[in-house]
């Protein structure tokens, strides 16, 4: 598996309340998307970004990072072969991504995701 991008997922109680700090003070002024429970903000100058999450819409646990890859099916098979704990099954989500969540040996939950074109 090769990570193309890793996005930090910050847990927040309220997206609207948190948005101003990240967009205004930190300069992450471009809202790439917002689904009401998750939103990503990016600096147009540097590409630095953060994802704010109130709760995962379909998974029982929230991920601390999202790892964007090219072949999520192969990554899922590798995770299973390694005996890693899959905490959310391989799923094509309604918002257009294919993903699964896996628990790292340190206990952190990682969202492994592939965007469909």
Protein backbone atom coordinates (compact mmCIF):
# COMPACT_ATOMS: atom_id res chain seq x y z
CA UNK A 1 0.00 0.00 0.00
CA UNK A 2 1.21 3.50 -0.82
CA UNK A 3 -0.22 6.56 0.91
CA UNK A 4 -0.84 9.42 -1.52
CA UNK A 5 -1.99 11.84 1.16
CA UNK A 6 -2.72 11.72 4.88
CA UNK A 7 -5.32 14.02 6.39
CA UNK A 8 -5.62 14.73 10.11
CA UNK A 9 -9.15 14.23 11.45
CA UNK A 10 -9.80 16.55 14.38
CA UNK A 11 -12.81 15.74 16.54
CA UNK A 12 -14.95 18.83 17.18
CA UNK A 13 -18.31 19.24 18.89
CA UNK A 14 -19.67 21.68 16.31
CA UNK A 15 -18.32 22.28 12.79
CA UNK A 16 -19.68 25.82 12.52
CA UNK A 17 -18.24 26.84 15.88
CA UNK A 18 -14.80 25.44 15.02
CA UNK A 19 -14.66 26.63 11.41
CA UNK A 20 -13.63 30.24 12.10
CA UNK A 21 -10.48 29.31 13.98
CA UNK A 22 -9.19 27.02 11.23
CA UNK A 23 -10.27 29.16 8.27
CA UNK A 24 -9.54 32.65 9.59
CA UNK A 25 -6.76 32.31 12.15
CA UNK A 26 -4.88 29.40 10.54
CA UNK A 27 -5.61 30.53 6.98
CA UNK A 28 -7.20 27.28 5.80
CA UNK A 29 -9.76 29.33 3.93
CA UNK A 30 -10.82 26.94 1.16
CA UNK A 31 -13.64 24.62 2.15
CA UNK A 32 -13.03 21.54 0.00
CA UNK A 33 -16.27 19.92 1.15
CA UNK A 34 -18.71 19.77 4.03
CA UNK A 35 -21.14 16.94 4.66
CA UNK A 36 -22.56 18.36 7.88
CA UNK A 37 -20.60 15.94 10.06
CA UNK A 38 -17.20 16.29 8.36
CA UNK A 39 -15.56 19.18 6.52
CA UNK A 40 -12.07 19.75 5.09
CA UNK A 41 -10.35 23.14 5.01
CA UNK A 42 -7.23 23.89 3.00
CA UNK A 43 -4.78 26.74 2.54
CA UNK A 44 -4.97 27.88 -1.10
CA UNK A 45 -1.33 28.99 -0.93
CA UNK A 46 0.33 25.94 0.65
CA UNK A 47 -2.12 23.05 0.41
CA UNK A 48 -1.94 22.49 4.17
CA UNK A 49 -5.25 21.05 5.30
CA UNK A 50 -7.26 19.66 8.19
CA UNK A 51 -10.48 17.71 8.40
CA UNK A 52 -12.96 18.47 11.18
CA UNK A 53 -15.25 15.63 12.27
CA UNK A 54 -18.17 15.69 14.69
CA UNK A 55 -18.83 11.95 14.38
CA UNK A 56 -18.50 9.42 11.60
CA UNK A 57 -21.76 9.07 9.67
CA UNK A 58 -21.55 5.30 9.14
CA UNK A 59 -18.74 3.87 11.29
CA UNK A 60 -19.06 3.10 14.99
CA UNK A 61 -15.67 4.69 15.71
CA UNK A 62 -13.98 7.87 14.54
CA UNK A 63 -10.64 7.79 12.74
CA UNK A 64 -7.76 10.03 13.81
CA UNK A 65 -6.36 10.19 10.26
CA UNK A 66 -7.54 9.45 6.74
CA UNK A 67 -5.01 7.77 4.45
CA UNK A 68 -5.81 8.33 0.78
CA UNK A 69 -4.65 5.50 -1.49
CA UNK A 70 -5.07 4.20 -5.05
CA UNK A 71 -6.27 0.62 -4.33
CA UNK A 72 -8.42 0.28 -1.22
CA UNK A 73 -9.41 -3.30 -2.07
CA UNK A 74 -5.77 -4.43 -2.07
CA UNK A 75 -5.11 -2.51 1.15
CA UNK A 76 -8.10 -4.18 2.80
CA UNK A 77 -6.86 -7.61 1.73
CA UNK A 78 -3.40 -6.82 3.10
CA UNK A 79 -4.84 -5.61 6.42
CA UNK A 80 -6.83 -8.85 6.74
CA UNK A 81 -3.77 -10.96 5.80
CA UNK A 82 -1.78 -9.18 8.53
CA UNK A 83 -4.50 -9.93 11.07
CA UNK A 84 -5.27 -6.27 11.74
CA UNK A 85 -8.58 -5.38 13.35
CA UNK A 86 -11.03 -4.00 10.81
CA UNK A 87 -13.39 -1.72 12.76
CA UNK A 88 -15.53 -0.68 9.76
CA UNK A 89 -15.92 -3.01 6.78
CA UNK A 90 -14.87 -2.23 3.24
CA UNK A 91 -17.74 -0.04 2.06
CA UNK A 92 -18.65 2.18 -0.84
CA UNK A 93 -20.17 5.15 0.95
CA UNK A 94 -23.08 7.25 -0.32
CA UNK A 95 -20.80 10.31 -0.57
CA UNK A 96 -18.65 8.62 -3.21
CA UNK A 97 -15.64 7.07 -1.47
CA UNK A 98 -14.68 3.46 -0.92
CA UNK A 99 -13.10 2.87 2.48
CA UNK A 100 -12.53 0.78 5.56
CA UNK A 101 -11.35 1.62 9.06
CA UNK A 102 -8.56 -0.33 10.71
CA UNK A 103 -7.13 -0.20 14.21
CA UNK A 104 -3.37 0.39 14.37
CA UNK A 105 -1.43 -1.64 16.96
CA UNK A 106 -1.21 1.54 19.09
CA UNK A 107 -5.02 1.70 19.27
CA UNK A 108 -5.59 4.57 16.85
CA UNK A 109 -8.29 4.09 14.22
CA UNK A 110 -7.24 4.86 10.62
CA UNK A 111 -9.63 5.59 7.75
CA UNK A 112 -8.17 4.00 4.60
CA UNK A 113 -9.95 5.65 1.68
CA UNK A 114 -10.03 5.72 -2.09
CA UNK A 115 -11.89 8.44 -3.95
CA UNK A 116 -13.75 7.20 -7.00
CA UNK A 117 -13.41 9.26 -10.17
